[in-house]
PDB file of N, CA and C in Angstrom:
ATOM      1  N   MET A   1      18.452  -5.203  20.897  1.00  0.00           N
ATOM      2  CA  MET A   1      17.765  -4.303  19.742  1.00  0.00           C
ATOM      3  C   MET A   1      17.831  -5.264  18.385  1.00  0.00           C
ATOM      4  N   ARG A   2      18.376  -6.008  18.033  1.00  0.00           N
ATOM      5  CA  ARG A   2      17.980  -6.648  16.568  1.00  0.00           C
ATOM      6  C   ARG A   2      17.122  -7.557  16.970  1.00  0.00           C
ATOM      7  N   ASN A   3      16.612  -7.997  17.619  1.00  0.00           N
ATOM      8  CA  ASN A   3      15.244  -8.970  17.799  1.00  0.00           C
ATOM      9  C   ASN A   3      14.194  -7.716  17.483  1.00  0.00           C
ATOM     10  N   VAL A   4      14.160  -6.153  17.969  1.00  0.00           N
ATOM     11  CA  VAL A   4      13.224  -5.567  17.831  1.00  0.00           C
ATOM     12  C   VAL A   4      13.323  -4.761  16.693  1.00  0.00           C
ATOM     13  N   VAL A   5      14.268  -5.089  16.002  1.00  0.00           N
ATOM     14  CA  VAL A   5      14.054  -4.503  14.386  1.00  0.00           C
ATOM     15  C   VAL A   5      13.618  -5.759  13.236  1.00  0.00           C
ATOM     16  N   LEU A   6      14.009  -6.569  13.814  1.00  0.00           N
ATOM     17  CA  LEU A   6      13.751  -7.881  12.967  1.00  0.00           C
ATOM     18  C   LEU A   6      11.805  -8.120  13.335  1.00  0.00           C
ATOM     19  N   VAL A   7      11.438  -8.085  14.447  1.00  0.00           N
ATOM     20  CA  VAL A   7       9.962  -8.031  14.471  1.00  0.00           C
ATOM     21  C   VAL A   7       9.263  -7.087  13.844  1.00  0.00           C
ATOM     22  N   SER A   8       9.445  -5.978  14.257  1.00  0.00           N
ATOM     23  CA  SER A   8       8.832  -4.739  13.407  1.00  0.00           C
ATOM     24  C   SER A   8       9.248  -4.770  12.138  1.00  0.00           C
ATOM     25  N   GLY A   9      10.123  -5.398  11.628  1.00  0.00           N
ATOM     26  CA  GLY A   9      10.572  -5.364  10.005  1.00  0.00           C
ATOM     27  C   GLY A   9       9.218  -6.388   9.414  1.00  0.00           C
ATOM     28  N   LEU A  10       9.112  -7.614  10.117  1.00  0.00           N
ATOM     29  CA  LEU A  10       8.179  -8.377   9.814  1.00  0.00           C
ATOM     30  C   LEU A  10       6.749  -7.794   9.946  1.00  0.00           C
ATOM     31  N   ILE A  11       6.513  -7.021  10.954  1.00  0.00           N
ATOM     32  CA  ILE A  11       5.288  -7.190  10.989  1.00  0.00           C
ATOM     33  C   ILE A  11       4.517  -5.791   9.987  1.00  0.00           C
ATOM     34  N   TYR A  12       5.601  -4.596   9.708  1.00  0.00           N
ATOM     35  CA  TYR A  12       5.048  -3.808   8.767  1.00  0.00           C
ATOM     36  C   TYR A  12       5.459  -4.413   7.502  1.00  0.00           C
ATOM     37  N   THR A  13       6.082  -5.273   7.055  1.00  0.00           N
ATOM     38  CA  THR A  13       6.188  -5.778   5.884  1.00  0.00           C
ATOM     39  C   THR A  13       4.928  -6.525   5.346  1.00  0.00           C
ATOM     40  N   GLY A  14       4.446  -7.086   6.796  1.00  0.00           N
ATOM     41  CA  GLY A  14       3.344  -7.906   6.588  1.00  0.00           C
ATOM     42  C   GLY A  14       2.249  -7.663   6.395  1.00  0.00           C
ATOM     43  N   ILE A  15       1.973  -6.173   6.996  1.00  0.00           N
ATOM     44  CA  ILE A  15       0.558  -5.497   7.017  1.00  0.00           C
ATOM     45  C   ILE A  15       0.663  -4.542   5.483  1.00  0.00           C
ATOM     46  N   SER A  16       1.962  -4.539   4.957  1.00  0.00           N
ATOM     47  CA  SER A  16       1.879  -3.625   3.812  1.00  0.00           C
ATOM     48  C   SER A  16       1.839  -4.748   2.580  1.00  0.00           C
ATOM     49  N   LEU A  17       2.373  -5.856   2.745  1.00  0.00           N
ATOM     50  CA  LEU A  17       1.396  -7.045   1.804  1.00  0.00           C
ATOM     51  C   LEU A  17       0.295  -7.060   1.807  1.00  0.00           C
ATOM     52  N   ALA A  18      -0.001  -7.249   2.884  1.00  0.00           N
ATOM     53  CA  ALA A  18      -1.817  -7.565   3.160  1.00  0.00           C
ATOM     54  C   ALA A  18      -2.379  -6.164   2.761  1.00  0.00           C
ATOM     55  N   LEU A  19      -1.828  -5.112   2.655  1.00  0.00           N
ATOM     56  CA  LEU A  19      -2.637  -3.745   1.929  1.00  0.00           C
ATOM     57  C   LEU A  19      -2.552  -3.876   0.806  1.00  0.00           C
ATOM     58  N   SER A  20      -1.607  -4.119  -0.091  1.00  0.00           N
ATOM     59  CA  SER A  20      -1.231  -4.497  -1.402  1.00  0.00           C
ATOM     60  C   SER A  20      -2.063  -5.611  -1.915  1.00  0.00           C
ATOM     61  N   ALA A  21      -2.385  -6.586  -1.299  1.00  0.00           N
ATOM     62  CA  ALA A  21      -3.171  -7.948  -1.857  1.00  0.00           C
ATOM     63  C   ALA A  21      -4.815  -7.330  -1.691  1.00  0.00           C
ATOM     64  N   VAL A  22      -5.209  -6.735  -0.723  1.00  0.00           N
ATOM     65  CA  VAL A  22      -6.268  -5.989  -0.612  1.00  0.00           C
ATOM     66  C   VAL A  22      -6.562  -5.075  -2.291  1.00  0.00           C
ATOM     67  N   PHE A  23      -5.957  -4.358  -2.293  1.00  0.00           N
ATOM     68  CA  PHE A  23      -5.540  -3.478  -3.155  1.00  0.00           C
ATOM     69  C   PHE A  23      -5.802  -3.766  -4.717  1.00  0.00           C
ATOM     70  N   LEU A  24      -5.263  -5.047  -4.778  1.00  0.00           N
ATOM     71  CA  LEU A  24      -5.333  -5.886  -5.783  1.00  0.00           C
ATOM     72  C   LEU A  24      -6.612  -6.674  -6.034  1.00  0.00           C
ATOM     73  N   VAL A  25      -7.210  -6.854  -4.849  1.00  0.00           N
ATOM     74  CA  VAL A  25      -8.726  -7.901  -5.325  1.00  0.00           C
ATOM     75  C   VAL A  25      -9.629  -7.103  -5.280  1.00  0.00           C
ATOM     76  N   LEU A  26      -9.741  -5.679  -4.778  1.00  0.00           N
ATOM     77  CA  LEU A  26     -10.773  -4.654  -4.780  1.00  0.00           C
ATOM     78  C   LEU A  26     -10.421  -3.933  -6.456  1.00  0.00           C
ATOM     79  N   THR A  27      -9.006  -4.028  -7.210  1.00  0.00           N
ATOM     80  CA  THR A  27      -8.938  -3.498  -8.500  1.00  0.00           C
ATOM     81  C   THR A  27      -9.736  -4.654  -9.478  1.00  0.00           C
ATOM     82  N   ILE A  28      -9.777  -5.788  -9.171  1.00  0.00           N
ATOM     83  CA  ILE A  28      -9.987  -7.052  -9.774  1.00  0.00           C
ATOM     84  C   ILE A  28     -11.595  -6.693 -10.105  1.00  0.00           C
ATOM     85  N   LEU A  29     -12.260  -6.137  -9.179  1.00  0.00           N
ATOM     86  CA  LEU A  29     -13.510  -5.928  -9.313  1.00  0.00           C
ATOM     87  C   LEU A  29     -13.951  -4.875 -10.529  1.00  0.00           C
ATOM     88  N   GLY A  30     -13.335  -4.046 -10.617  1.00  0.00           N
ATOM     89  CA  GLY A  30     -12.969  -3.138 -11.376  1.00  0.00           C
ATOM     90  C   GLY A  30     -12.673  -3.258 -12.951  1.00  0.00           C
ATOM     91  N   GLY A  31     -12.711  -2.405 -13.930  1.00  0.00           N
ATOM     92  CA  GLY A  31     -11.935  -2.397 -15.018  1.00  0.00           C
ATOM     93  C   GLY A  31     -11.011  -1.918 -15.765  1.00  0.00           C
ATOM     94  N   TYR A  32      -9.976  -2.237 -14.588  1.00  0.00           N
ATOM     95  CA  TYR A  32      -8.514  -1.934 -14.690  1.00  0.00           C
ATOM     96  C   TYR A  32      -7.734  -3.060 -15.362  1.00  0.00           C
ATOM     97  N   THR A  33      -6.328  -2.279 -15.866  1.00  0.00           N
ATOM     98  CA  THR A  33      -5.739  -3.023 -16.871  1.00  0.00           C
ATOM     99  C   THR A  33      -4.574  -3.816 -15.677  1.00  0.00           C
ATOM    100  N   TRP A  34      -3.941  -4.805 -16.019  1.00  0.00           N
ATOM    101  CA  TRP A  34      -3.011  -5.143 -15.189  1.00  0.00           C
ATOM    102  C   TRP A  34      -2.201  -4.864 -14.901  1.00  0.00           C
ATOM    103  N   VAL A  35      -1.746  -3.808 -15.885  1.00  0.00           N
ATOM    104  CA  VAL A  35      -0.506  -2.795 -15.644  1.00  0.00           C
ATOM    105  C   VAL A  35      -0.789  -1.872 -14.602  1.00  0.00           C
ATOM    106  N   ALA A  36      -2.309  -1.346 -14.685  1.00  0.00           N
ATOM    107  CA  ALA A  36      -2.707  -0.460 -13.283  1.00  0.00           C
ATOM    108  C   ALA A  36      -2.743  -1.078 -11.867  1.00  0.00           C
ATOM    109  N   ARG A  37      -2.957  -2.340 -12.030  1.00  0.00           N
ATOM    110  CA  ARG A  37      -3.357  -3.010 -11.162  1.00  0.00           C
ATOM    111  C   ARG A  37      -1.791  -3.204 -10.459  1.00  0.00           C
ATOM    112  N   ILE A  38      -1.316  -3.846 -11.029  1.00  0.00           N
ATOM    113  CA  ILE A  38       0.238  -4.213 -10.189  1.00  0.00           C
ATOM    114  C   ILE A  38       0.723  -2.875  -9.868  1.00  0.00           C
ATOM    115  N   GLY A  39       0.741  -1.787 -10.769  1.00  0.00           N
ATOM    116  CA  GLY A  39       1.355  -0.332 -10.603  1.00  0.00           C
ATOM    117  C   GLY A  39       0.598  -0.057  -9.086  1.00  0.00           C
ATOM    118  N   GLY A  40      -0.038   0.036  -9.235  1.00  0.00           N
ATOM    119  CA  GLY A  40      -1.280   0.523  -7.965  1.00  0.00           C
ATOM    120  C   GLY A  40      -0.932  -0.349  -6.574  1.00  0.00           C
ATOM    121  N   ALA A  41      -0.392  -1.657  -6.851  1.00  0.00           N
ATOM    122  CA  ALA A  41      -0.524  -2.289  -5.507  1.00  0.00           C
ATOM    123  C   ALA A  41       1.141  -2.368  -4.991  1.00  0.00           C
ATOM    124  N   ALA A  42       1.909  -1.874  -6.094  1.00  0.00           N
ATOM    125  CA  ALA A  42       3.488  -1.570  -5.632  1.00  0.00           C
ATOM    126  C   ALA A  42       3.403  -0.218  -5.000  1.00  0.00           C
ATOM    127  N   TRP A  43       2.870   0.851  -5.406  1.00  0.00           N
ATOM    128  CA  TRP A  43       2.813   1.860  -5.102  1.00  0.00           C
ATOM    129  C   TRP A  43       2.020   2.026  -3.507  1.00  0.00           C
ATOM    130  N   VAL A  44       0.903   1.007  -3.485  1.00  0.00           N
ATOM    131  CA  VAL A  44       0.332   0.639  -1.964  1.00  0.00           C
ATOM    132  C   VAL A  44       1.673   0.288  -1.335  1.00  0.00           C
ATOM    133  N   PHE A  45       2.212  -0.776  -1.448  1.00  0.00           N
ATOM    134  CA  PHE A  45       3.336  -1.309  -0.770  1.00  0.00           C
ATOM    135  C   PHE A  45       4.240  -0.263  -0.364  1.00  0.00           C
ATOM    136  N   MET A  46       4.873   0.623  -1.401  1.00  0.00           N
ATOM    137  CA  MET A  46       5.812   1.547  -0.896  1.00  0.00           C
ATOM    138  C   MET A  46       5.288   2.300   0.024  1.00  0.00           C
ATOM    139  N   LEU A  47       3.901   2.931  -0.217  1.00  0.00           N
ATOM    140  CA  LEU A  47       3.585   4.059   0.768  1.00  0.00           C
ATOM    141  C   LEU A  47       3.109   3.769   2.120  1.00  0.00           C
ATOM    142  N   SER A  48       2.949   2.520   2.409  1.00  0.00           N
ATOM    143  CA  SER A  48       2.342   1.826   3.590  1.00  0.00           C
ATOM    144  C   SER A  48       3.649   1.359   4.063  1.00  0.00           C
ATOM    145  N   MET A  49       5.049   0.826   3.661  1.00  0.00           N
ATOM    146  CA  MET A  49       6.159   0.839   4.268  1.00  0.00           C
ATOM    147  C   MET A  49       6.248   2.071   4.801  1.00  0.00           C
ATOM    148  N   ILE A  50       6.378   3.150   4.195  1.00  0.00           N
ATOM    149  CA  ILE A  50       7.166   4.278   4.500  1.00  0.00           C
ATOM    150  C   ILE A  50       5.996   5.337   5.701  1.00  0.00           C
ATOM    151  N   ILE A  51       5.015   4.466   5.551  1.00  0.00           N
ATOM    152  CA  ILE A  51       3.942   4.981   6.877  1.00  0.00           C
ATOM    153  C   ILE A  51       4.337   4.242   7.973  1.00  0.00           C
ATOM    154  N   LEU A  52       4.488   2.729   7.731  1.00  0.00           N
ATOM    155  CA  LEU A  52       4.368   2.107   9.060  1.00  0.00           C
ATOM    156  C   LEU A  52       5.745   1.986   9.715  1.00  0.00           C
ATOM    157  N   MET A  53       6.813   2.160   8.825  1.00  0.00           N
ATOM    158  CA  MET A  53       8.451   1.817   9.171  1.00  0.00           C
ATOM    159  C   MET A  53       8.523   2.955  10.638  1.00  0.00           C
ATOM    160  N   PRO A  54       8.124   3.991  10.987  1.00  0.00           N
ATOM    161  CA  PRO A  54       8.217   5.056  12.132  1.00  0.00           C
ATOM    162  C   PRO A  54       7.205   4.787  12.996  1.00  0.00           C
ATOM    163  N   VAL A  55       5.961   4.199  12.655  1.00  0.00           N
ATOM    164  CA  VAL A  55       4.935   3.887  13.287  1.00  0.00           C
ATOM    165  C   VAL A  55       5.356   2.513  14.481  1.00  0.00           C
ATOM    166  N   VAL A  56       5.371   1.454  13.735  1.00  0.00           N
ATOM    167  CA  VAL A  56       5.626   0.104  14.346  1.00  0.00           C
ATOM    168  C   VAL A  56       6.685  -0.115  14.862  1.00  0.00           C
ATOM    169  N   THR A  57       7.922   0.283  14.734  1.00  0.00           N
ATOM    170  CA  THR A  57       9.140   0.146  15.164  1.00  0.00           C
ATOM    171  C   THR A  57       9.098   0.720  16.783  1.00  0.00           C
ATOM    172  N   PRO A  58       8.939   2.134  17.184  1.00  0.00           N
ATOM    173  CA  PRO A  58       8.498   2.655  18.683  1.00  0.00           C
ATOM    174  C   PRO A  58       7.753   1.468  19.376  1.00  0.00           C
ATOM    175  N   MET A  59       6.493   1.042  18.730  1.00  0.00           N
ATOM    176  CA  MET A  59       5.789   0.234  19.558  1.00  0.00           C
ATOM    177  C   MET A  59       6.221  -0.812  20.052  1.00  0.00           C
ATOM    178  N   VAL A  60       6.947  -1.702  18.526  1.00  0.00           N
ATOM    179  CA  VAL A  60       7.621  -2.691  19.169  1.00  0.00           C
ATOM    180  C   VAL A  60       8.625  -2.808  20.284  1.00  0.00           C
ATOM    181  N   LYS A  61       9.288  -1.508  20.217  1.00  0.00           N
ATOM    182  CA  LYS A  61      10.549  -1.272  21.079  1.00  0.00           C
ATOM    183  C   LYS A  61       9.851  -1.042  22.742  1.00  0.00           C
ATOM    184  N   LYS A  62       8.793  -0.490  22.440  1.00  0.00           N
ATOM    185  CA  LYS A  62       8.295  -0.182  24.009  1.00  0.00           C
ATOM    186  C   LYS A  62       7.488  -1.645  24.346  1.00  0.00           C
ATOM    187  N   ARG A  63       6.964  -2.270  23.490  1.00  0.00           N
ATOM    188  CA  ARG A  63       6.633  -3.702  24.114  1.00  0.00           C
ATOM    189  C   ARG A  63       7.552  -4.634  24.365  1.00  0.00           C
ATOM    190  N   ALA A  64       8.737  -4.528  24.226  1.00  0.00           N
ATOM    191  CA  ALA A  64       9.947  -5.186  24.557  1.00  0.00           C
ATOM    192  C   ALA A  64      10.812  -4.473  25.490  1.00  0.00           C
ATOM    193  N   GLY A  65      10.363  -3.345  26.115  1.00  0.00           N
ATOM    194  CA  GLY A  65      11.072  -3.146  27.730  1.00  0.00           C
ATOM    195  C   GLY A  65      11.671  -2.176  26.895  1.00  0.00           C
ATOM    196  N   GLY A  66      12.450  -1.405  25.802  1.00  0.00           N
ATOM    197  CA  GLY A  66      13.567  -0.645  25.244  1.00  0.00           C
ATOM    198  C   GLY A  66      13.112   0.416  25.062  1.00  0.00           C
TER     199      GLY A  66
END
């Protein structure tokens, strides 16, 4: 069980970080301030974590056979 929690945590944290990085790259192309970029990236990260936690963990648990 501990392994499932660790693996799923790494997966949804990595996806959330990647989405935040994409957001930062896309906002650099626009005329946004750095405060808006960083705040938006933090918001994207938090929302992604909230959405992905209950989705990824059961998928990892199912693949692990538990």
